[in-house]
C-alpha cells in the first residue's frame, strides 16, 4: 500500500489535502426494530453546501445543483443552477452554462450566462459567448466570443406589443380598369 521512494527528500513536511466537508444524512424514516436507536443527526459544516467534482469525474448530460459547485473534471452537456460555479484549472467543460455566477480557471467551450458575475482567471480559456451583469478578465486569460455585460434594456414583450395598436397599412390607389360595356349603334 505504501511505496518507498528512493531519493525522495522526506525533510519537507507533507502537504495534507483540505478536509472533506461533513455530510449530513437525513434521519431515517424506516421503523427501528429491537434495541436499535436512530443515530443523532450530525451538524453540517458551512462547507457542506459546496459540491466538488474532482479530476477523475466525467459527466455527459445535464448538471443541476444548488449553492456552490467546484468542477475539476469533464462535463459535456448543460449546467443549470441558481448557485455559483467554479471551473477548476484541470476542468474541461463543453456545455451551455446558466448560473448565478461563474469563476473560470480551466477550459470552457460553450456559452456562459450568469445573472450576476463571470470571472475569467489568468489560466482560463473560454470559447463562447458571455452574458452577465459584470465581467472580470485577468491578464493571460483567453476569451474568444462576444460578451453582453450589464443589465440590458428589455425589448417589448408579446403582451405589450399586442396592447399597442397595429399600424394601419398604407393605402395606394391603383389605376382604374376600363369598364366593359356596349357601344351605341352596334348590333349585338
Protein backbone atom coordinates (compact mmCIF):
# COMPACT_ATOMS: atom_id res chain seq x y z
CA UNK A 1 0.00 0.00 0.00
CA UNK A 2 2.81 2.44 0.78
CA UNK A 3 5.66 2.86 -1.62
CA UNK A 4 9.15 3.86 -0.59
CA UNK A 5 10.55 6.38 -3.00
CA UNK A 6 14.34 6.29 -3.34
CA UNK A 7 15.94 9.69 -3.49
CA UNK A 8 12.84 11.46 -2.13
CA UNK A 9 13.62 14.13 0.42
CA UNK A 10 11.49 13.40 3.47
CA UNK A 11 12.63 16.52 5.31
CA UNK A 12 9.88 18.59 3.64
CA UNK A 13 6.62 18.30 5.55
CA UNK A 14 3.91 16.53 3.61
CA UNK A 15 1.04 18.65 2.41
CA UNK A 16 -2.29 17.47 3.57
CA UNK A 17 -5.42 17.63 1.49
CA UNK A 18 -8.09 20.05 2.62
CA UNK A 19 -10.59 18.43 4.97
CA UNK A 20 -13.66 16.99 3.33
CA UNK A 21 -16.95 18.59 4.25
CA UNK A 22 -19.09 16.76 6.74
CA UNK A 23 -22.02 15.08 5.04
CA UNK A 24 -25.41 15.29 6.63
CA UNK A 25 -27.66 12.30 6.23
CA UNK A 26 -31.40 12.76 6.58
CA UNK A 27 -32.97 10.99 9.51
CA UNK A 28 -34.21 7.57 8.60
CA UNK A 29 -37.93 7.16 8.10
CA UNK A 30 -37.71 3.38 8.44
CA UNK A 31 -39.05 1.82 11.63
CA UNK A 32 -36.49 0.67 14.17
CA UNK A 33 -36.52 -2.89 15.45
CA UNK A 34 -35.37 -4.24 18.76
CA UNK A 35 -32.89 -2.10 20.61
CA UNK A 36 -31.79 -0.05 17.59
CA UNK A 37 -31.93 3.64 18.23
CA UNK A 38 -31.79 6.20 15.42
CA UNK A 39 -28.46 7.95 15.23
CA UNK A 40 -28.34 11.55 16.37
CA UNK A 41 -28.34 13.94 13.42
CA UNK A 42 -24.94 15.37 12.58
CA UNK A 43 -24.31 19.07 12.24
CA UNK A 44 -23.50 20.40 8.82
CA UNK A 45 -20.31 22.31 8.36
CA UNK A 46 -20.53 25.55 6.36
CA UNK A 47 -18.55 23.85 3.57
CA UNK A 48 -21.22 21.14 3.31
CA UNK A 49 -23.08 23.35 0.84
CA UNK A 50 -20.17 23.11 -1.61
CA UNK A 51 -20.24 20.24 -4.09
CA UNK A 52 -16.98 19.04 -5.63
CA UNK A 53 -16.44 17.05 -8.82
CA UNK A 54 -12.78 16.00 -8.87
CA UNK A 55 -10.47 15.39 -11.83
CA UNK A 56 -11.48 11.75 -12.31
CA UNK A 57 -15.19 12.61 -12.82
CA UNK A 58 -16.69 12.74 -16.32
CA UNK A 59 -20.33 13.65 -16.91
CA UNK A 60 -22.36 13.75 -20.13
CA UNK A 61 -25.80 15.28 -19.75
CA UNK A 62 -27.45 17.95 -17.63
CA UNK A 63 -25.94 19.01 -14.31
CA UNK A 64 -28.18 20.82 -11.81
CA UNK A 65 -27.11 21.91 -8.34
CA UNK A 66 -27.88 24.34 -5.56
CA UNK A 67 -25.44 26.55 -3.65
CA UNK A 68 -21.86 26.01 -4.92
CA UNK A 69 -20.23 23.54 -7.32
CA UNK A 70 -16.49 23.17 -7.93
CA UNK A 71 -15.68 21.22 -11.09
CA UNK A 72 -12.19 19.93 -11.79
CA UNK A 73 -13.29 17.10 -14.12
CA UNK A 74 -15.02 16.91 -17.50
CA UNK A 75 -18.61 17.86 -18.27
CA UNK A 76 -20.34 17.74 -21.63
CA UNK A 77 -23.93 18.98 -21.96
CA UNK A 78 -25.66 21.63 -19.83
CA UNK A 79 -25.08 23.17 -16.41
CA UNK A 80 -28.07 24.95 -14.82
CA UNK A 81 -28.28 26.46 -11.34
CA UNK A 82 -29.15 29.46 -9.23
CA UNK A 83 -25.87 28.85 -7.40
CA UNK A 84 -22.20 29.59 -8.03
CA UNK A 85 -19.96 27.54 -10.33
CA UNK A 86 -16.18 27.34 -10.09
CA UNK A 87 -14.37 25.73 -13.02
CA UNK A 88 -11.03 24.41 -11.74
CA UNK A 89 -7.71 24.52 -13.61
CA UNK A 90 -7.98 20.87 -14.67
CA UNK A 91 -11.61 21.16 -15.78
CA UNK A 92 -12.63 20.68 -19.39
CA UNK A 93 -16.23 21.74 -19.98
CA UNK A 94 -18.19 21.62 -23.24
CA UNK A 95 -21.54 22.92 -22.07
CA UNK A 96 -24.08 25.70 -22.04
CA UNK A 97 -23.74 27.22 -18.56
CA UNK A 98 -26.55 29.16 -16.86
CA UNK A 99 -25.83 30.05 -13.22
CA UNK A 100 -25.78 32.98 -10.78
CA UNK A 101 -22.00 33.39 -11.04
CA UNK A 102 -19.09 31.61 -12.70
CA UNK A 103 -15.38 31.68 -11.88
CA UNK A 104 -13.25 30.03 -14.60
CA UNK A 105 -9.71 28.75 -14.05
CA UNK A 106 -9.87 25.95 -16.67
CA UNK A 107 -11.31 25.46 -20.17
CA UNK A 108 -14.91 26.11 -21.17
CA UNK A 109 -16.27 25.64 -24.69
CA UNK A 110 -19.85 26.91 -24.70
CA UNK A 111 -21.91 29.93 -23.79
CA UNK A 112 -21.92 31.31 -20.25
CA UNK A 113 -24.97 33.12 -18.90
CA UNK A 114 -24.75 34.47 -15.35
CA UNK A 115 -27.36 36.52 -13.54
CA UNK A 116 -24.60 38.18 -11.52
CA UNK A 117 -20.89 37.78 -12.32
CA UNK A 118 -18.41 35.97 -14.59
CA UNK A 119 -14.70 35.95 -13.69
CA UNK A 120 -12.03 34.67 -16.07
CA UNK A 121 -8.81 33.99 -14.19
CA UNK A 122 -5.34 34.10 -15.81
CA UNK A 123 -5.37 30.37 -16.63
CA UNK A 124 -8.89 30.46 -18.14
CA UNK A 125 -9.77 29.61 -21.73
CA UNK A 126 -13.33 30.37 -22.82
CA UNK A 127 -14.64 29.84 -26.35
CA UNK A 128 -18.23 31.03 -26.44
CA UNK A 129 -20.44 33.99 -25.70
CA UNK A 130 -20.77 35.52 -22.22
CA UNK A 131 -23.82 37.30 -20.81
CA UNK A 132 -23.51 38.68 -17.28
CA UNK A 133 -24.19 41.68 -15.11
CA UNK A 134 -20.42 42.06 -14.52
CA UNK A 135 -17.42 40.52 -16.29
CA UNK A 136 -13.86 40.34 -14.97
CA UNK A 137 -10.98 39.13 -17.15
CA UNK A 138 -7.47 38.76 -15.72
CA UNK A 139 -4.37 39.26 -17.84
CA UNK A 140 -3.43 36.00 -19.55
CA UNK A 141 -7.00 34.68 -19.87
CA UNK A 142 -8.16 33.59 -23.32
CA UNK A 143 -11.66 34.61 -24.41
CA UNK A 144 -12.99 34.01 -27.92
CA UNK A 145 -16.57 35.14 -28.38
CA UNK A 146 -18.80 38.09 -27.73
CA UNK A 147 -19.91 39.47 -24.41
CA UNK A 148 -23.01 41.25 -23.22
CA UNK A 149 -22.30 43.00 -19.93
CA UNK A 150 -24.69 44.94 -17.73
CA UNK A 151 -28.43 44.89 -17.34
CA UNK A 152 -29.83 45.25 -20.85
CA UNK A 153 -32.95 47.26 -21.58
CA UNK A 154 -35.63 44.69 -22.25
CA UNK A 155 -37.40 44.71 -25.58
CA UNK A 156 -41.18 44.93 -25.52
CA UNK A 157 -42.76 41.59 -24.86
CA UNK A 158 -45.57 39.98 -26.84
CA UNK A 159 -48.16 41.23 -24.33
CA UNK A 160 -47.07 44.87 -24.56
CA UNK A 161 -46.73 44.66 -28.33
CA UNK A 162 -50.29 43.29 -28.60
CA UNK A 163 -51.62 46.13 -26.44
CA UNK A 164 -50.31 48.74 -28.83
CA UNK A 165 -52.46 49.41 -31.92
CA UNK A 166 -51.07 47.94 -35.07
CA UNK A 167 -50.00 50.46 -37.68
CA UNK A 168 -52.51 50.91 -40.50
CA UNK A 169 -51.30 49.72 -43.86
CA UNK A 170 -50.64 52.45 -46.36
CA UNK A 171 -53.38 52.77 -48.94
CA UNK A 172 -52.43 53.03 -52.55
CA UNK A 173 -54.70 53.90 -55.44
CA UNK A 174 -54.48 51.61 -58.40
CA UNK A 175 -55.26 52.92 -61.86
CA UNK A 176 -58.88 52.40 -62.83
CA UNK A 177 -59.51 49.46 -65.04
CA UNK A 178 -61.73 50.09 -68.04
CA UNK A 179 -65.32 49.03 -67.60
CA UNK A 180 -66.87 46.83 -70.18
CA UNK A 181 -69.99 47.99 -71.94
CA UNK A 182 -71.71 48.17 -75.30
CA UNK A 183 -71.20 50.91 -77.79
CA UNK A 184 -74.22 52.72 -79.09
CA UNK A 185 -75.10 51.83 -82.60
CA UNK A 186 -73.60 48.37 -82.59
CA UNK A 187 -75.66 45.30 -83.26
CA UNK A 188 -75.31 42.51 -80.93
